[in-house]
Every structure is written in structure tokens, then in C-alpha cells.
Amino acid sequence: MQSHLVRIFLAFAVNVALIAPLSSAQEAPPVTQVSKFSGEPVPRFASLRFSAVHGRQGPSLDHAILWRYEAEGMPVLIIRETHGWRRVRDQDGDEVWVQARMLSGARTAVTTRQTTLHRRADPDSNARAMIKAGVIATLDDCDAGWCKVESGKRKGWLKDTDLWGTRFGTDGV
């Protein structure tokens, strides 16, 4: 009787092992899907609404604070949603949960290295300023490898390869 139960268990385990990869492949979310919580696509970029935002281990105030972000406008990538909470990834690849109300739909990007702000989307156009790494800029438009940005009183064009938060695939996302 015991060997019969062992055979049934082994047969069950083999079937589960064969079926599990098929079902998980079917259930894998597409690269972009629409969230049932916000109605917006996930993943998508957003920015921090306030100058102090807590990143938590899980989606509730009961979870430990892992990060305190102190950069209003900092771009983050929303990778998951629950009711009232968003799982975000920052430029360094760290992932935390933040309250949805702490995020803004305003599109921003952060410079990944020192770069030249150009008058036009052309490397030969006049330089308007040198921009340090880590500067947060408001995104206006991106096209053909260039993004029109505004940071402080300066407006101009930056190469999208010098920015994080512009588009998927080129940002290490």
C-alpha cells in the first residue's frame, strides 16, 4: 500500500513538473499591460511628487521603511500596482513600494553623466550649458535619440543616452 502511494505521489510530482512551466509561461505578464488599479500601462515612468518620500518593503504603512527619497521630481519606473500603492524601481535598480499619492505623472529624467545641453537636437549646435550627472530635468519631448528638457532656467536638448527615465530598453530597464 505504501509503495502504491509513493508511485501516485511521484506520478503527481512529474505531472506538476511538466505542467508548471507551461502554465507559468502562459501567465507571464506582457512587457506592457494595463493595470486594473490605475487603468494606466505598467511598466511606466512617473516622478516623485514631494521632496520626502518613503520607500517601503511592502504595500502598507505596516511595512518597514527601506529608503527615504529626498529628491522631488526624481524619475521612477512603476513596475507593479496594488490599491493605493506602487512598486517602483529607481535609477540604481532598487525596488520599493510607495504610496500612489506620492507619485506624479509628470515626466522627468535624470542625467547619468556630465553632458552638454544643446540649443537644438544636433551635436553640432551651440552648447547652452554643461549639465552635471544626477541633475533632474523635466521632459518635454523625445525624438530620434534626443530629448527636449528643462532644468531650472535652462532649456535645450540632451542625448537620450545621457538620461535615465526616457524610454524602455535604453535605460537599463
Foldseek 3Di string as FASTA:
>chain_A
DVVVVVVVVVVVVVVCVVVVVVVVVVVDDDCWDQDPQPRHIPFAKWWFQAQWWFFFADADPPGDTDDIHRDGGFMWTFHDDDHQKTWTAHLVRDTGITGPVRIGRFAKKFFQAWDFFAAAPDPPGDTPDIDGGGAIWGFDDDDDQKTWTDGDPDTGIDGCLRIARDDPPSSVD
